[in-house]
């Protein structure tokens, strides 16, 4: 199932390692975790993405070299969920989506259908699920590319929203 979650609040935080914000956000590069309903993702060595409400962001001390930007309207967010989600992603992305390389909580930057994206594995109730984030100008193109990749799995109950 492909769902467009682009209206979900997305906040980008940039912070130097020695700042209070970096300490509070933590995480190692390439990982994510749920905090009070928000998903906190360390997408770059000095950059985090908080998906959900602004609760986590509002609690941050942004003194020093740290900043926040509301990326809700500039970044699309698709969720691909289902037993075949890894195989669908492998059709349009060169990452290894096996559990050993991309366990639940892993994130990576990669080309999805030739568009630079951030991909986060964020399983839902034990079902494999991926979040795909990119510049919002690619919304239609990426939606169509992922939907096309889903086509061979539709007979198994997969659908798009």
C-alpha atoms as a PDB file:
ATOM      1  CA  UNK A   1       0.000   0.000   0.000  1.00  0.00           C
ATOM      2  CA  UNK A   2       1.309   3.432  -0.925  1.00  0.00           C
ATOM      3  CA  UNK A   3       0.078   6.380   1.134  1.00  0.00           C
ATOM      4  CA  UNK A   4       0.845  10.072   0.659  1.00  0.00           C
ATOM      5  CA  UNK A   5       1.635  11.556   4.088  1.00  0.00           C
ATOM      6  CA  UNK A   6       3.134  14.791   2.778  1.00  0.00           C
ATOM      7  CA  UNK A   7       0.979  16.991   5.004  1.00  0.00           C
ATOM      8  CA  UNK A   8       2.589  15.447   8.108  1.00  0.00           C
ATOM      9  CA  UNK A   9       4.742  17.980   9.980  1.00  0.00           C
ATOM     10  CA  UNK A  10       8.427  17.627   9.089  1.00  0.00           C
ATOM     11  CA  UNK A  11      11.127  19.706  10.795  1.00  0.00           C
ATOM     12  CA  UNK A  12      14.778  19.725   9.792  1.00  0.00           C
ATOM     13  CA  UNK A  13      17.286  20.376  12.579  1.00  0.00           C
ATOM     14  CA  UNK A  14      20.928  21.211  11.798  1.00  0.00           C
ATOM     15  CA  UNK A  15      23.304  21.227  14.742  1.00  0.00           C
ATOM     16  CA  UNK A  16      26.998  20.959  15.477  1.00  0.00           C
ATOM     17  CA  UNK A  17      28.036  17.970  17.602  1.00  0.00           C
ATOM     18  CA  UNK A  18      28.877  20.122  20.634  1.00  0.00           C
ATOM     19  CA  UNK A  19      25.425  21.751  20.905  1.00  0.00           C
ATOM     20  CA  UNK A  20      22.622  21.011  23.342  1.00  0.00           C
ATOM     21  CA  UNK A  21      20.312  20.208  20.408  1.00  0.00           C
ATOM     22  CA  UNK A  22      22.673  17.521  19.048  1.00  0.00           C
ATOM     23  CA  UNK A  23      23.020  16.000  22.504  1.00  0.00           C
ATOM     24  CA  UNK A  24      19.255  15.951  23.015  1.00  0.00           C
ATOM     25  CA  UNK A  25      18.527  14.482  19.598  1.00  0.00           C
ATOM     26  CA  UNK A  26      21.348  11.940  19.780  1.00  0.00           C
ATOM     27  CA  UNK A  27      21.177   8.882  17.542  1.00  0.00           C
ATOM     28  CA  UNK A  28      23.904   7.632  15.300  1.00  0.00           C
ATOM     29  CA  UNK A  29      23.927   8.657  11.658  1.00  0.00           C
ATOM     30  CA  UNK A  30      21.620   6.401   9.645  1.00  0.00           C
ATOM     31  CA  UNK A  31      19.219   5.560  12.455  1.00  0.00           C
ATOM     32  CA  UNK A  32      15.836   6.630  13.790  1.00  0.00           C
ATOM     33  CA  UNK A  33      13.597   6.158  16.801  1.00  0.00           C
ATOM     34  CA  UNK A  34      10.118   6.999  18.007  1.00  0.00           C
ATOM     35  CA  UNK A  35       9.805   9.616  20.762  1.00  0.00           C
ATOM     36  CA  UNK A  36       6.408  10.645  22.140  1.00  0.00           C
ATOM     37  CA  UNK A  37       4.704   9.930  18.825  1.00  0.00           C
ATOM     38  CA  UNK A  38       7.351  11.696  16.734  1.00  0.00           C
ATOM     39  CA  UNK A  39       9.884   9.913  14.535  1.00  0.00           C
ATOM     40  CA  UNK A  40      13.391  11.331  14.991  1.00  0.00           C
ATOM     41  CA  UNK A  41      15.768  10.471  12.123  1.00  0.00           C
ATOM     42  CA  UNK A  42      19.464  11.300  11.856  1.00  0.00           C
ATOM     43  CA  UNK A  43      19.632  11.696   8.087  1.00  0.00           C
ATOM     44  CA  UNK A  44      23.065  13.370   7.849  1.00  0.00           C
ATOM     45  CA  UNK A  45      25.983  13.620  10.284  1.00  0.00           C
ATOM     46  CA  UNK A  46      24.819  17.109  11.338  1.00  0.00           C
ATOM     47  CA  UNK A  47      21.137  16.901  10.350  1.00  0.00           C
ATOM     48  CA  UNK A  48      18.047  15.386  11.928  1.00  0.00           C
ATOM     49  CA  UNK A  49      14.510  15.179  10.641  1.00  0.00           C
ATOM     50  CA  UNK A  50      11.613  15.117  13.081  1.00  0.00           C
ATOM     51  CA  UNK A  51       8.399  13.717  11.589  1.00  0.00           C
ATOM     52  CA  UNK A  52       5.174  14.197  13.520  1.00  0.00           C
ATOM     53  CA  UNK A  53       4.141  16.928  15.908  1.00  0.00           C
ATOM     54  CA  UNK A  54       6.474  19.686  17.063  1.00  0.00           C
ATOM     55  CA  UNK A  55       6.661  18.327  20.651  1.00  0.00           C
ATOM     56  CA  UNK A  56      10.221  17.022  20.260  1.00  0.00           C
ATOM     57  CA  UNK A  57      11.354  20.150  18.398  1.00  0.00           C
ATOM     58  CA  UNK A  58       9.771  22.597  20.864  1.00  0.00           C
ATOM     59  CA  UNK A  59      11.745  21.024  23.714  1.00  0.00           C
ATOM     60  CA  UNK A  60      15.131  21.596  22.034  1.00  0.00           C
ATOM     61  CA  UNK A  61      17.694  24.138  23.174  1.00  0.00           C
ATOM     62  CA  UNK A  62      18.863  25.692  19.892  1.00  0.00           C
ATOM     63  CA  UNK A  63      21.693  27.798  21.323  1.00  0.00           C
ATOM     64  CA  UNK A  64      25.063  27.602  19.611  1.00  0.00           C
ATOM     65  CA  UNK A  65      25.373  26.442  16.010  1.00  0.00           C
ATOM     66  CA  UNK A  66      21.884  24.961  15.637  1.00  0.00           C
ATOM     67  CA  UNK A  67      18.828  25.766  13.541  1.00  0.00           C
ATOM     68  CA  UNK A  68      15.415  24.419  12.691  1.00  0.00           C
ATOM     69  CA  UNK A  69      13.371  24.733   9.510  1.00  0.00           C
ATOM     70  CA  UNK A  70       9.785  23.620   8.914  1.00  0.00           C
ATOM     71  CA  UNK A  71      10.087  21.358   5.864  1.00  0.00           C
ATOM     72  CA  UNK A  72       6.448  20.267   5.799  1.00  0.00           C
ATOM     73  CA  UNK A  73       5.620  21.949   2.493  1.00  0.00           C
ATOM     74  CA  UNK A  74       8.981  21.502   0.806  1.00  0.00           C
ATOM     75  CA  UNK A  75       9.390  17.729   1.288  1.00  0.00           C
ATOM     76  CA  UNK A  76       7.010  15.009   0.171  1.00  0.00           C
ATOM     77  CA  UNK A  77       6.484  11.951   2.371  1.00  0.00           C
ATOM     78  CA  UNK A  78       5.224   8.634   1.037  1.00  0.00           C
ATOM     79  CA  UNK A  79       4.741   5.478   3.108  1.00  0.00           C
ATOM     80  CA  UNK A  80       5.038   2.113   1.362  1.00  0.00           C
ATOM     81  CA  UNK A  81       3.757  -0.724   3.553  1.00  0.00           C
ATOM     82  CA  UNK A  82       3.254  -4.438   3.018  1.00  0.00           C
ATOM     83  CA  UNK A  83       4.887  -7.817   2.718  1.00  0.00           C
ATOM     84  CA  UNK A  84       6.236  -6.929  -0.749  1.00  0.00           C
ATOM     85  CA  UNK A  85       7.466  -3.425   0.206  1.00  0.00           C
ATOM     86  CA  UNK A  86      11.162  -4.389   0.093  1.00  0.00           C
ATOM     87  CA  UNK A  87      10.774  -5.993  -3.333  1.00  0.00           C
ATOM     88  CA  UNK A  88       8.930  -2.931  -4.641  1.00  0.00           C
ATOM     89  CA  UNK A  89      11.710  -0.637  -3.388  1.00  0.00           C
ATOM     90  CA  UNK A  90      14.390  -2.890  -4.912  1.00  0.00           C
ATOM     91  CA  UNK A  91      12.778  -2.383  -8.341  1.00  0.00           C
ATOM     92  CA  UNK A  92      13.397   1.387  -8.224  1.00  0.00           C
ATOM     93  CA  UNK A  93      16.335   1.754  -5.820  1.00  0.00           C
ATOM     94  CA  UNK A  94      19.756   0.121  -5.681  1.00  0.00           C
ATOM     95  CA  UNK A  95      19.863  -0.319  -1.885  1.00  0.00           C
ATOM     96  CA  UNK A  96      19.779  -3.744  -0.264  1.00  0.00           C
ATOM     97  CA  UNK A  97      16.448  -3.835   1.585  1.00  0.00           C
ATOM     98  CA  UNK A  98      17.174  -7.094   3.416  1.00  0.00           C
ATOM     99  CA  UNK A  99      16.869  -7.099   7.217  1.00  0.00           C
ATOM    100  CA  UNK A 100      20.649  -7.385   7.602  1.00  0.00           C
ATOM    101  CA  UNK A 101      21.248  -4.099   5.732  1.00  0.00           C
ATOM    102  CA  UNK A 102      18.119  -2.072   6.459  1.00  0.00           C
ATOM    103  CA  UNK A 103      16.601  -3.222   9.746  1.00  0.00           C
ATOM    104  CA  UNK A 104      13.616  -1.425  11.235  1.00  0.00           C
ATOM    105  CA  UNK A 105      14.807   2.080  12.191  1.00  0.00           C
ATOM    106  CA  UNK A 106      17.521   2.324   9.528  1.00  0.00           C
ATOM    107  CA  UNK A 107      17.678   5.295   7.171  1.00  0.00           C
ATOM    108  CA  UNK A 108      19.724   6.095   4.097  1.00  0.00           C
ATOM    109  CA  UNK A 109      19.985   8.583   1.287  1.00  0.00           C
ATOM    110  CA  UNK A 110      19.600   6.992  -2.136  1.00  0.00           C
ATOM    111  CA  UNK A 111      18.243   7.428  -5.627  1.00  0.00           C
ATOM    112  CA  UNK A 112      14.651   6.251  -5.992  1.00  0.00           C
ATOM    113  CA  UNK A 113      13.652   6.194  -9.660  1.00  0.00           C
ATOM    114  CA  UNK A 114      16.609   8.564 -10.261  1.00  0.00           C
ATOM    115  CA  UNK A 115      15.434  11.090  -7.630  1.00  0.00           C
ATOM    116  CA  UNK A 116      17.557  11.810  -4.558  1.00  0.00           C
ATOM    117  CA  UNK A 117      15.513  10.640  -1.558  1.00  0.00           C
ATOM    118  CA  UNK A 118      15.826   9.851   2.115  1.00  0.00           C
ATOM    119  CA  UNK A 119      14.434   6.424   2.956  1.00  0.00           C
ATOM    120  CA  UNK A 120      13.512   5.335   6.485  1.00  0.00           C
ATOM    121  CA  UNK A 121      12.406   1.855   7.416  1.00  0.00           C
ATOM    122  CA  UNK A 122       9.590   2.395   9.899  1.00  0.00           C
ATOM    123  CA  UNK A 123       7.618  -0.828  10.331  1.00  0.00           C
ATOM    124  CA  UNK A 124       3.957  -0.549  11.337  1.00  0.00           C
ATOM    125  CA  UNK A 125       2.573  -3.168  13.727  1.00  0.00           C
ATOM    126  CA  UNK A 126       5.211  -5.667  12.622  1.00  0.00           C
ATOM    127  CA  UNK A 127       4.580  -5.086   8.903  1.00  0.00           C
ATOM    128  CA  UNK A 128       7.489  -3.846   6.796  1.00  0.00           C
ATOM    129  CA  UNK A 129       7.113  -0.172   5.910  1.00  0.00           C
ATOM    130  CA  UNK A 130       9.297   2.471   4.291  1.00  0.00           C
ATOM    131  CA  UNK A 131       9.058   6.243   4.395  1.00  0.00           C
ATOM    132  CA  UNK A 132      10.302   7.966   1.244  1.00  0.00           C
ATOM    133  CA  UNK A 133      11.111  11.679   1.474  1.00  0.00           C
ATOM    134  CA  UNK A 134      12.114  13.979  -1.376  1.00  0.00           C
ATOM    135  CA  UNK A 135      11.652  17.487  -2.691  1.00  0.00           C
ATOM    136  CA  UNK A 136       7.929  18.067  -3.156  1.00  0.00           C
ATOM    137  CA  UNK A 137       8.365  18.998  -6.815  1.00  0.00           C
ATOM    138  CA  UNK A 138       8.853  15.260  -7.526  1.00  0.00           C
ATOM    139  CA  UNK A 139       5.506  14.238  -5.951  1.00  0.00           C
ATOM    140  CA  UNK A 140       3.691  13.155  -9.147  1.00  0.00           C
ATOM    141  CA  UNK A 141       6.746  11.552 -10.729  1.00  0.00           C
ATOM    142  CA  UNK A 142       7.691   9.520  -7.631  1.00  0.00           C
ATOM    143  CA  UNK A 143       4.093   8.544  -6.948  1.00  0.00           C
ATOM    144  CA  UNK A 144       3.802   7.228 -10.513  1.00  0.00           C
ATOM    145  CA  UNK A 145       7.176   5.430 -10.340  1.00  0.00           C
ATOM    146  CA  UNK A 146       6.335   3.697  -7.060  1.00  0.00           C
ATOM    147  CA  UNK A 147       2.809   2.868  -8.247  1.00  0.00           C
ATOM    148  CA  UNK A 148       4.269   1.354 -11.418  1.00  0.00           C
ATOM    149  CA  UNK A 149       6.710  -0.728  -9.352  1.00  0.00           C
ATOM    150  CA  UNK A 150       3.758  -1.891  -7.233  1.00  0.00           C
ATOM    151  CA  UNK A 151       1.817  -3.098 -10.287  1.00  0.00           C
ATOM    152  CA  UNK A 152       3.030  -6.703 -10.238  1.00  0.00           C
ATOM    153  CA  UNK A 153       2.149  -7.021  -6.540  1.00  0.00           C
ATOM    154  CA  UNK A 154      -1.391  -5.589  -6.766  1.00  0.00           C
ATOM    155  CA  UNK A 155      -2.979  -8.990  -7.188  1.00  0.00           C
ATOM    156  CA  UNK A 156      -1.750  -9.728  -3.667  1.00  0.00           C
ATOM    157  CA  UNK A 157      -3.921  -7.016  -2.144  1.00  0.00           C
ATOM    158  CA  UNK A 158      -1.538  -4.059  -2.514  1.00  0.00           C
ATOM    159  CA  UNK A 159      -3.121  -0.730  -3.354  1.00  0.00           C
ATOM    160  CA  UNK A 160      -2.325   2.962  -3.527  1.00  0.00           C
ATOM    161  CA  UNK A 161      -3.925   5.842  -1.658  1.00  0.00           C
END
